[in-house]
Amino acid sequence: MRSVILTTLLALTVGLATSIAAPSAASAQGAGKGASGLPLPRFVSLKSKRVNIRIGPSTDYPVAWMYLKSGTPMEVIQEYDNWRRVRDADGTEGWVNQALLSGERTAVAAPWMRGKDGEVFVNMRRDPQNSSAVIAKLQPGVVIVMNECNGDWCHAVVEGAEGWVNQAEIWGAYPGEAFK
């Protein structure tokens, strides 16, 4: 079967060139559960097409980044009131109001491979095994929606293609994490 090359790019726009630091008012959360009762850290996605990431947990803090694509995966690493400190696939951190986050699980295909010379792809396979047929080749940075992960493979959908990607080749699920 002929493979389809998907070229969706992760859209990120820089707002201000400001370093992102946690304010002293927000207490550091360790591994476990946050104030919301949900696990920390955890993956979520952006609910809105336009989301401001701030340098602190309030609208009183300046905007550091603006994201222009709903579904972009984020890792929640800290909670303060109704604000969540998030990290993106590139390691950029900042604060966002919880109302702008969704529990829908998404991931980025091999973001660490962006900009590499030569053709580098993440194979989407028909079944969750290396010997299964490749049904699509995903460029690094492509955002996928994940329906489930079994600890090694994630069932994913992107631009009409549906199949399985190796969990080690995405950012948006922890190593060995399983969910439905």
N, C-alpha and C. Protein backbone atom coordinates (compact mmCIF):
# COMPACT_ATOMS: atom_id res chain seq x y z
N MET A 1 0.83 -1.17 0.00
CA MET A 1 0.00 0.00 0.00
C MET A 1 0.89 1.24 0.00
N ARG A 2 0.49 2.19 -0.79
CA ARG A 2 1.27 3.43 -0.89
C ARG A 2 1.05 4.28 0.35
N SER A 3 2.10 4.77 0.92
CA SER A 3 2.02 5.58 2.15
C SER A 3 1.67 7.02 1.82
N VAL A 4 0.94 7.62 2.71
CA VAL A 4 0.56 9.01 2.58
C VAL A 4 1.49 9.83 3.46
N ILE A 5 2.03 10.89 2.94
CA ILE A 5 2.89 11.76 3.74
C ILE A 5 2.04 12.93 4.23
N LEU A 6 1.95 13.04 5.53
CA LEU A 6 1.15 14.10 6.13
C LEU A 6 2.07 15.24 6.54
N THR A 7 1.68 16.45 6.18
CA THR A 7 2.59 17.56 6.37
C THR A 7 2.03 18.66 7.27
N THR A 8 1.11 18.31 8.14
CA THR A 8 0.59 19.31 9.04
C THR A 8 1.70 19.80 9.95
N LEU A 9 1.80 21.08 10.12
CA LEU A 9 2.84 21.63 10.99
C LEU A 9 2.22 22.10 12.29
N LEU A 10 2.96 21.96 13.35
CA LEU A 10 2.55 22.46 14.65
C LEU A 10 2.69 23.97 14.61
N ALA A 11 1.58 24.70 14.83
CA ALA A 11 1.60 26.15 14.71
C ALA A 11 1.78 26.80 16.07
N LEU A 12 2.91 27.44 16.25
CA LEU A 12 3.20 28.16 17.48
C LEU A 12 3.64 29.57 17.10
N THR A 13 3.13 30.56 17.78
CA THR A 13 3.53 31.93 17.51
C THR A 13 4.07 32.55 18.77
N VAL A 14 5.21 33.18 18.66
CA VAL A 14 5.82 33.82 19.82
C VAL A 14 5.16 35.16 20.05
N GLY A 15 4.75 35.43 21.29
CA GLY A 15 4.18 36.72 21.68
C GLY A 15 5.29 37.64 22.14
N LEU A 16 5.81 37.46 23.31
CA LEU A 16 6.90 38.25 23.85
C LEU A 16 8.08 37.34 24.12
N ALA A 17 9.26 37.84 23.92
CA ALA A 17 10.46 37.04 24.21
C ALA A 17 10.81 37.23 25.69
N THR A 18 10.05 36.54 26.52
CA THR A 18 10.21 36.66 27.96
C THR A 18 10.49 35.29 28.52
N SER A 19 11.39 35.19 29.47
CA SER A 19 11.58 33.89 30.10
C SER A 19 10.42 33.63 31.02
N ILE A 20 10.04 32.37 31.15
CA ILE A 20 8.89 32.00 31.94
C ILE A 20 9.38 31.46 33.27
N ALA A 21 8.91 32.08 34.34
CA ALA A 21 9.33 31.65 35.67
C ALA A 21 8.11 31.53 36.56
N ALA A 22 8.14 30.62 37.49
CA ALA A 22 7.02 30.45 38.43
C ALA A 22 7.06 31.58 39.44
N PRO A 23 5.91 32.21 39.73
CA PRO A 23 5.88 33.24 40.74
C PRO A 23 6.04 32.63 42.12
N SER A 24 6.51 33.44 43.07
CA SER A 24 6.73 32.91 44.41
C SER A 24 5.43 32.53 45.09
N ALA A 25 4.30 33.07 44.66
CA ALA A 25 3.01 32.76 45.28
C ALA A 25 2.57 31.33 45.01
N ALA A 26 3.04 30.75 43.91
CA ALA A 26 2.62 29.39 43.57
C ALA A 26 3.57 28.39 44.21
N SER A 27 3.03 27.51 45.00
CA SER A 27 3.88 26.51 45.65
C SER A 27 4.20 25.39 44.67
N ALA A 28 5.40 24.89 44.77
CA ALA A 28 5.82 23.80 43.88
C ALA A 28 5.06 22.53 44.23
N GLN A 29 4.59 21.85 43.22
CA GLN A 29 3.88 20.59 43.40
C GLN A 29 4.82 19.46 43.01
N GLY A 30 4.88 18.45 43.82
CA GLY A 30 5.69 17.28 43.48
C GLY A 30 4.85 16.30 42.69
N ALA A 31 5.42 15.17 42.41
CA ALA A 31 4.68 14.12 41.72
C ALA A 31 3.54 13.68 42.63
N GLY A 32 2.43 13.36 42.07
CA GLY A 32 1.27 12.96 42.85
C GLY A 32 0.04 13.65 42.31
N LYS A 33 -0.75 14.23 43.22
CA LYS A 33 -1.98 14.90 42.80
C LYS A 33 -1.87 16.39 43.06
N GLY A 34 -2.47 17.17 42.16
CA GLY A 34 -2.50 18.61 42.32
C GLY A 34 -3.70 19.02 43.16
N ALA A 35 -3.89 20.31 43.33
CA ALA A 35 -5.00 20.85 44.11
C ALA A 35 -6.35 20.42 43.53
N SER A 36 -6.40 20.15 42.22
CA SER A 36 -7.64 19.73 41.56
C SER A 36 -7.98 18.27 41.87
N GLY A 37 -7.04 17.53 42.44
CA GLY A 37 -7.23 16.11 42.68
C GLY A 37 -6.78 15.26 41.50
N LEU A 38 -6.38 15.90 40.41
CA LEU A 38 -5.88 15.18 39.23
C LEU A 38 -4.38 14.97 39.36
N PRO A 39 -3.85 13.95 38.66
CA PRO A 39 -2.42 13.66 38.79
C PRO A 39 -1.53 14.76 38.22
N LEU A 40 -0.37 14.91 38.82
CA LEU A 40 0.67 15.80 38.32
C LEU A 40 1.94 14.99 38.18
N PRO A 41 2.66 15.09 37.09
CA PRO A 41 2.26 15.78 35.87
C PRO A 41 1.23 14.96 35.09
N ARG A 42 0.60 15.58 34.10
CA ARG A 42 -0.36 14.90 33.22
C ARG A 42 -0.41 15.65 31.90
N PHE A 43 -0.87 14.96 30.86
CA PHE A 43 -1.01 15.58 29.54
C PHE A 43 -2.44 16.02 29.30
N VAL A 44 -2.59 17.17 28.66
CA VAL A 44 -3.87 17.73 28.24
C VAL A 44 -3.64 18.34 26.85
N SER A 45 -4.65 19.02 26.32
CA SER A 45 -4.48 19.73 25.06
C SER A 45 -5.17 21.08 25.15
N LEU A 46 -4.81 21.97 24.23
CA LEU A 46 -5.44 23.29 24.21
C LEU A 46 -6.83 23.18 23.61
N LYS A 47 -7.81 23.78 24.29
CA LYS A 47 -9.20 23.69 23.87
C LYS A 47 -9.53 24.74 22.81
N SER A 48 -8.89 25.86 22.86
CA SER A 48 -9.23 27.00 22.03
C SER A 48 -8.20 27.20 20.92
N LYS A 49 -8.59 27.89 19.85
CA LYS A 49 -7.68 28.17 18.74
C LYS A 49 -6.66 29.24 19.12
N ARG A 50 -7.00 30.07 20.08
CA ARG A 50 -6.08 31.13 20.51
C ARG A 50 -5.94 31.06 22.03
N VAL A 51 -4.74 30.75 22.49
CA VAL A 51 -4.50 30.61 23.92
C VAL A 51 -3.25 31.39 24.30
N ASN A 52 -3.41 32.29 25.28
CA ASN A 52 -2.28 33.04 25.82
C ASN A 52 -1.64 32.25 26.95
N ILE A 53 -0.34 32.16 26.92
CA ILE A 53 0.43 31.57 28.01
C ILE A 53 1.09 32.73 28.74
N ARG A 54 0.85 32.82 30.05
CA ARG A 54 1.34 33.95 30.83
C ARG A 54 2.53 33.56 31.69
N ILE A 55 3.26 34.56 32.19
CA ILE A 55 4.43 34.28 33.02
C ILE A 55 4.05 34.01 34.47
N GLY A 56 2.78 34.20 34.82
CA GLY A 56 2.31 33.92 36.17
C GLY A 56 0.84 33.54 36.14
N PRO A 57 0.30 33.04 37.27
CA PRO A 57 -1.07 32.51 37.32
C PRO A 57 -2.15 33.57 37.56
N SER A 58 -2.30 34.50 36.62
CA SER A 58 -3.33 35.54 36.71
C SER A 58 -3.29 36.34 35.43
N THR A 59 -4.40 37.00 35.10
CA THR A 59 -4.41 37.88 33.93
C THR A 59 -3.61 39.16 34.20
N ASP A 60 -3.18 39.35 35.43
CA ASP A 60 -2.32 40.49 35.76
C ASP A 60 -0.90 40.30 35.22
N TYR A 61 -0.51 39.07 34.93
CA TYR A 61 0.82 38.78 34.40
C TYR A 61 0.82 38.93 32.88
N PRO A 62 1.95 39.38 32.32
CA PRO A 62 2.02 39.54 30.86
C PRO A 62 1.98 38.20 30.12
N VAL A 63 1.56 38.30 28.87
CA VAL A 63 1.53 37.14 27.97
C VAL A 63 2.96 36.88 27.49
N ALA A 64 3.40 35.64 27.60
CA ALA A 64 4.73 35.26 27.13
C ALA A 64 4.67 34.61 25.75
N TRP A 65 3.62 33.81 25.51
CA TRP A 65 3.45 33.09 24.25
C TRP A 65 1.98 33.08 23.88
N MET A 66 1.72 32.97 22.59
CA MET A 66 0.36 32.79 22.12
C MET A 66 0.34 31.58 21.19
N TYR A 67 -0.53 30.63 21.48
CA TYR A 67 -0.68 29.45 20.65
C TYR A 67 -1.91 29.65 19.78
N LEU A 68 -1.82 29.28 18.51
CA LEU A 68 -2.90 29.52 17.56
C LEU A 68 -3.47 28.24 16.98
N LYS A 69 -3.35 27.14 17.70
CA LYS A 69 -3.88 25.87 17.20
C LYS A 69 -4.51 25.09 18.34
N SER A 70 -5.81 24.87 18.24
CA SER A 70 -6.45 24.02 19.25
C SER A 70 -5.94 22.60 19.07
N GLY A 71 -5.92 21.85 20.17
CA GLY A 71 -5.45 20.47 20.11
C GLY A 71 -3.97 20.31 20.39
N THR A 72 -3.23 21.41 20.51
CA THR A 72 -1.81 21.32 20.80
C THR A 72 -1.62 20.65 22.16
N PRO A 73 -0.79 19.60 22.24
CA PRO A 73 -0.61 18.93 23.53
C PRO A 73 0.21 19.77 24.50
N MET A 74 -0.14 19.69 25.77
CA MET A 74 0.56 20.38 26.85
C MET A 74 0.69 19.42 28.02
N GLU A 75 1.74 19.60 28.80
CA GLU A 75 1.93 18.83 30.02
C GLU A 75 1.67 19.76 31.20
N VAL A 76 0.70 19.41 32.04
CA VAL A 76 0.43 20.19 33.25
C VAL A 76 1.45 19.76 34.30
N ILE A 77 2.22 20.73 34.80
CA ILE A 77 3.28 20.40 35.76
C ILE A 77 3.04 21.03 37.13
N GLN A 78 2.07 21.96 37.22
CA GLN A 78 1.80 22.61 38.50
C GLN A 78 0.40 23.21 38.44
N GLU A 79 -0.23 23.34 39.60
CA GLU A 79 -1.56 23.96 39.70
C GLU A 79 -1.55 25.04 40.76
N TYR A 80 -2.28 26.12 40.48
CA TYR A 80 -2.48 27.18 41.47
C TYR A 80 -3.87 27.76 41.20
N ASP A 81 -4.79 27.54 42.13
CA ASP A 81 -6.17 28.00 41.98
C ASP A 81 -6.71 27.42 40.66
N ASN A 82 -7.24 28.26 39.77
CA ASN A 82 -7.77 27.75 38.49
C ASN A 82 -6.76 27.95 37.34
N TRP A 83 -5.50 28.07 37.69
CA TRP A 83 -4.43 28.23 36.71
C TRP A 83 -3.56 26.98 36.70
N ARG A 84 -3.05 26.64 35.49
CA ARG A 84 -2.21 25.48 35.33
C ARG A 84 -0.89 25.90 34.68
N ARG A 85 0.20 25.47 35.30
CA ARG A 85 1.50 25.70 34.68
C ARG A 85 1.72 24.56 33.71
N VAL A 86 1.97 24.90 32.45
CA VAL A 86 2.08 23.90 31.39
C VAL A 86 3.44 23.99 30.71
N ARG A 87 3.79 22.89 30.06
CA ARG A 87 5.02 22.81 29.28
C ARG A 87 4.65 22.24 27.92
N ASP A 88 5.22 22.81 26.85
CA ASP A 88 4.95 22.27 25.51
C ASP A 88 6.07 21.31 25.09
N ALA A 89 5.95 20.78 23.89
CA ALA A 89 6.90 19.78 23.39
C ALA A 89 8.31 20.32 23.25
N ASP A 90 8.46 21.64 23.15
CA ASP A 90 9.78 22.25 23.03
C ASP A 90 10.37 22.62 24.38
N GLY A 91 9.60 22.41 25.46
CA GLY A 91 10.09 22.72 26.80
C GLY A 91 9.70 24.09 27.31
N THR A 92 8.97 24.86 26.53
CA THR A 92 8.52 26.18 26.96
C THR A 92 7.45 26.03 28.01
N GLU A 93 7.56 26.81 29.10
CA GLU A 93 6.61 26.73 30.20
C GLU A 93 5.91 28.06 30.43
N GLY A 94 4.71 27.98 30.97
CA GLY A 94 3.95 29.17 31.32
C GLY A 94 2.62 28.78 31.95
N TRP A 95 1.82 29.78 32.27
CA TRP A 95 0.55 29.58 32.97
C TRP A 95 -0.63 29.83 32.04
N VAL A 96 -1.65 28.99 32.16
CA VAL A 96 -2.87 29.12 31.36
C VAL A 96 -4.07 28.82 32.26
N ASN A 97 -5.17 29.50 32.01
CA ASN A 97 -6.39 29.25 32.78
C ASN A 97 -6.92 27.87 32.40
N GLN A 98 -7.37 27.12 33.42
CA GLN A 98 -7.85 25.75 33.18
C GLN A 98 -8.99 25.68 32.18
N ALA A 99 -9.78 26.75 32.04
CA ALA A 99 -10.91 26.75 31.11
C ALA A 99 -10.45 26.62 29.65
N LEU A 100 -9.19 26.90 29.38
CA LEU A 100 -8.66 26.83 28.02
C LEU A 100 -7.99 25.49 27.71
N LEU A 101 -8.08 24.55 28.67
CA LEU A 101 -7.48 23.24 28.50
C LEU A 101 -8.54 22.16 28.37
N SER A 102 -8.23 21.12 27.63
CA SER A 102 -9.14 20.00 27.40
C SER A 102 -8.47 18.71 27.86
N GLY A 103 -9.27 17.77 28.29
CA GLY A 103 -8.76 16.45 28.66
C GLY A 103 -8.49 15.56 27.45
N GLU A 104 -8.84 16.04 26.23
CA GLU A 104 -8.58 15.25 25.03
C GLU A 104 -7.07 15.04 24.88
N ARG A 105 -6.68 13.80 24.66
CA ARG A 105 -5.27 13.48 24.54
C ARG A 105 -4.79 13.63 23.10
N THR A 106 -3.79 14.44 22.95
CA THR A 106 -3.14 14.62 21.65
C THR A 106 -1.63 14.44 21.87
N ALA A 107 -0.90 14.34 20.79
CA ALA A 107 0.55 14.18 20.88
C ALA A 107 1.19 14.81 19.65
N VAL A 108 2.48 15.01 19.73
CA VAL A 108 3.27 15.52 18.61
C VAL A 108 4.20 14.40 18.16
N ALA A 109 4.22 14.16 16.85
CA ALA A 109 5.11 13.13 16.30
C ALA A 109 6.55 13.62 16.36
N ALA A 110 7.40 12.88 17.06
CA ALA A 110 8.85 13.07 17.14
C ALA A 110 9.32 14.52 17.03
N PRO A 111 8.90 15.40 17.95
CA PRO A 111 9.31 16.81 17.84
C PRO A 111 10.83 16.99 17.91
N TRP A 112 11.53 16.05 18.54
CA TRP A 112 12.99 16.14 18.65
C TRP A 112 13.68 15.89 17.32
N MET A 113 12.96 15.45 16.29
CA MET A 113 13.55 15.19 14.98
C MET A 113 13.33 16.34 14.00
N ARG A 114 12.57 17.37 14.39
CA ARG A 114 12.36 18.51 13.50
C ARG A 114 13.69 19.15 13.12
N GLY A 115 13.82 19.50 11.89
CA GLY A 115 15.02 20.18 11.43
C GLY A 115 16.18 19.26 11.09
N LYS A 116 16.01 17.96 11.22
CA LYS A 116 17.08 17.02 10.88
C LYS A 116 17.16 16.90 9.36
N ASP A 117 18.37 16.73 8.86
CA ASP A 117 18.54 16.54 7.42
C ASP A 117 18.05 15.16 7.02
N GLY A 118 17.59 15.03 5.81
CA GLY A 118 17.11 13.75 5.31
C GLY A 118 15.64 13.56 5.65
N GLU A 119 15.08 12.51 5.14
CA GLU A 119 13.67 12.22 5.38
C GLU A 119 13.51 11.43 6.67
N VAL A 120 12.90 12.05 7.65
CA VAL A 120 12.64 11.41 8.93
C VAL A 120 11.14 11.40 9.14
N PHE A 121 10.57 10.24 9.39
CA PHE A 121 9.14 10.13 9.57
C PHE A 121 8.82 9.20 10.74
N VAL A 122 7.63 9.38 11.28
CA VAL A 122 7.08 8.43 12.24
C VAL A 122 6.08 7.60 11.47
N ASN A 123 6.24 6.30 11.50
CA ASN A 123 5.34 5.42 10.76
C ASN A 123 4.05 5.19 11.54
N MET A 124 2.92 5.40 10.87
CA MET A 124 1.62 5.01 11.42
C MET A 124 1.31 3.66 10.80
N ARG A 125 1.04 2.69 11.65
CA ARG A 125 0.84 1.32 11.18
C ARG A 125 -0.62 0.87 11.36
N ARG A 126 -1.00 -0.13 10.57
CA ARG A 126 -2.36 -0.66 10.62
C ARG A 126 -2.67 -1.28 11.99
N ASP A 127 -1.70 -2.00 12.54
CA ASP A 127 -1.87 -2.68 13.83
C ASP A 127 -0.70 -2.30 14.74
N PRO A 128 -0.85 -2.50 16.05
CA PRO A 128 0.20 -2.11 17.01
C PRO A 128 1.37 -3.09 17.08
N GLN A 129 2.10 -3.18 15.98
CA GLN A 129 3.30 -4.03 15.94
C GLN A 129 4.20 -3.56 14.80
N ASN A 130 5.50 -3.71 14.98
CA ASN A 130 6.46 -3.23 13.98
C ASN A 130 6.34 -3.91 12.63
N SER A 131 5.81 -5.12 12.60
CA SER A 131 5.69 -5.85 11.34
C SER A 131 4.43 -5.48 10.56
N SER A 132 3.56 -4.68 11.15
CA SER A 132 2.30 -4.30 10.50
C SER A 132 2.56 -3.29 9.36
N ALA A 133 1.65 -3.27 8.40
CA ALA A 133 1.78 -2.38 7.24
C ALA A 133 1.76 -0.91 7.65
N VAL A 134 2.63 -0.12 7.01
CA VAL A 134 2.67 1.33 7.22
C VAL A 134 1.54 1.94 6.40
N ILE A 135 0.65 2.70 7.06
CA ILE A 135 -0.47 3.32 6.33
C ILE A 135 -0.28 4.82 6.15
N ALA A 136 0.65 5.41 6.91
CA ALA A 136 0.96 6.83 6.75
C ALA A 136 2.35 7.10 7.33
N LYS A 137 3.00 8.12 6.81
CA LYS A 137 4.28 8.58 7.34
C LYS A 137 4.05 9.99 7.84
N LEU A 138 4.30 10.19 9.14
CA LEU A 138 4.06 11.48 9.78
C LEU A 138 5.36 12.26 9.92
N GLN A 139 5.36 13.50 9.48
CA GLN A 139 6.53 14.33 9.65
C GLN A 139 6.65 14.76 11.11
N PRO A 140 7.86 14.97 11.59
CA PRO A 140 8.03 15.47 12.95
C PRO A 140 7.27 16.77 13.14
N GLY A 141 6.56 16.87 14.26
CA GLY A 141 5.77 18.07 14.56
C GLY A 141 4.29 17.94 14.26
N VAL A 142 3.89 16.89 13.57
CA VAL A 142 2.47 16.68 13.26
C VAL A 142 1.74 16.36 14.56
N VAL A 143 0.59 17.01 14.77
CA VAL A 143 -0.24 16.76 15.96
C VAL A 143 -1.23 15.65 15.64
N ILE A 144 -1.30 14.67 16.53
CA ILE A 144 -2.23 13.55 16.37
C ILE A 144 -3.18 13.51 17.55
N VAL A 145 -4.38 12.97 17.34
CA VAL A 145 -5.34 12.74 18.41
C VAL A 145 -5.21 11.28 18.79
N MET A 146 -5.06 11.03 20.09
CA MET A 146 -4.89 9.65 20.57
C MET A 146 -6.17 9.18 21.24
N ASN A 147 -6.64 8.00 20.84
CA ASN A 147 -7.82 7.40 21.45
C ASN A 147 -7.45 6.51 22.62
N GLU A 148 -6.28 5.87 22.53
CA GLU A 148 -5.82 4.98 23.60
C GLU A 148 -4.34 4.69 23.40
N CYS A 149 -3.70 4.30 24.50
CA CYS A 149 -2.32 3.82 24.46
C CYS A 149 -2.26 2.56 25.31
N ASN A 150 -1.44 1.60 24.87
CA ASN A 150 -1.34 0.34 25.61
C ASN A 150 -0.01 0.20 26.35
N GLY A 151 0.78 1.26 26.38
CA GLY A 151 2.08 1.21 27.04
C GLY A 151 3.23 1.15 26.05
N ASP A 152 2.96 0.65 24.85
CA ASP A 152 3.96 0.58 23.78
C ASP A 152 3.51 1.30 22.51
N TRP A 153 2.21 1.25 22.24
CA TRP A 153 1.64 1.82 21.02
C TRP A 153 0.43 2.69 21.38
N CYS A 154 0.19 3.73 20.55
CA CYS A 154 -0.99 4.59 20.73
C CYS A 154 -1.83 4.56 19.46
N HIS A 155 -3.13 4.39 19.64
CA HIS A 155 -4.06 4.46 18.52
C HIS A 155 -4.28 5.93 18.22
N ALA A 156 -4.05 6.33 16.98
CA ALA A 156 -4.04 7.74 16.63
C ALA A 156 -4.84 8.04 15.37
N VAL A 157 -5.31 9.28 15.32
CA VAL A 157 -6.03 9.78 14.14
C VAL A 157 -5.41 11.12 13.76
N VAL A 158 -5.14 11.29 12.47
CA VAL A 158 -4.64 12.56 11.95
C VAL A 158 -5.07 12.70 10.50
N GLU A 159 -5.73 13.80 10.19
CA GLU A 159 -6.16 14.11 8.82
C GLU A 159 -6.78 12.92 8.09
N GLY A 160 -7.69 12.23 8.75
CA GLY A 160 -8.40 11.13 8.12
C GLY A 160 -7.69 9.79 8.18
N ALA A 161 -6.42 9.78 8.50
CA ALA A 161 -5.69 8.51 8.65
C ALA A 161 -5.86 8.03 10.09
N GLU A 162 -6.03 6.73 10.25
CA GLU A 162 -6.22 6.14 11.57
C GLU A 162 -5.37 4.89 11.67
N GLY A 163 -4.59 4.81 12.75
CA GLY A 163 -3.72 3.65 12.92
C GLY A 163 -2.98 3.73 14.24
N TRP A 164 -1.83 3.08 14.30
CA TRP A 164 -1.06 2.97 15.54
C TRP A 164 0.33 3.56 15.34
N VAL A 165 0.79 4.32 16.35
CA VAL A 165 2.15 4.87 16.34
C VAL A 165 2.89 4.37 17.57
N ASN A 166 4.18 4.18 17.40
CA ASN A 166 5.00 3.72 18.52
C ASN A 166 5.05 4.82 19.57
N GLN A 167 4.75 4.47 20.81
CA GLN A 167 4.68 5.43 21.89
C GLN A 167 6.01 6.15 22.13
N ALA A 168 7.12 5.50 21.80
CA ALA A 168 8.44 6.10 21.98
C ALA A 168 8.73 7.18 20.93
N GLU A 169 7.88 7.29 19.90
CA GLU A 169 8.12 8.24 18.81
C GLU A 169 7.19 9.45 18.87
N ILE A 170 6.54 9.66 20.02
CA ILE A 170 5.63 10.80 20.17
C ILE A 170 5.90 11.52 21.49
N TRP A 171 5.46 12.77 21.56
CA TRP A 171 5.47 13.52 22.82
C TRP A 171 4.01 13.80 23.15
N GLY A 172 3.54 13.23 24.26
CA GLY A 172 2.14 13.40 24.66
C GLY A 172 1.64 12.22 25.47
N ALA A 173 2.48 11.22 25.64
CA ALA A 173 2.17 10.06 26.50
C ALA A 173 3.47 9.66 27.19
N TYR A 174 3.37 9.33 28.46
CA TYR A 174 4.56 8.94 29.22
C TYR A 174 4.99 7.53 28.83
N PRO A 175 6.29 7.22 28.95
CA PRO A 175 6.76 5.86 28.65
C PRO A 175 6.01 4.83 29.50
N GLY A 176 5.45 3.84 28.83
CA GLY A 176 4.72 2.79 29.52
C GLY A 176 3.31 3.15 29.95
N GLU A 177 2.86 4.39 29.68
CA GLU A 177 1.52 4.81 30.08
C GLU A 177 0.45 4.11 29.23
N ALA A 178 -0.57 3.61 29.88
CA ALA A 178 -1.71 2.98 29.18
C ALA A 178 -2.98 3.72 29.59
N PHE A 179 -3.85 3.97 28.62
CA PHE A 179 -5.16 4.59 28.90
C PHE A 179 -6.11 4.30 27.75
N LYS A 180 -7.40 4.43 28.04
CA LYS A 180 -8.46 4.31 27.01
C LYS A 180 -9.38 5.48 27.14
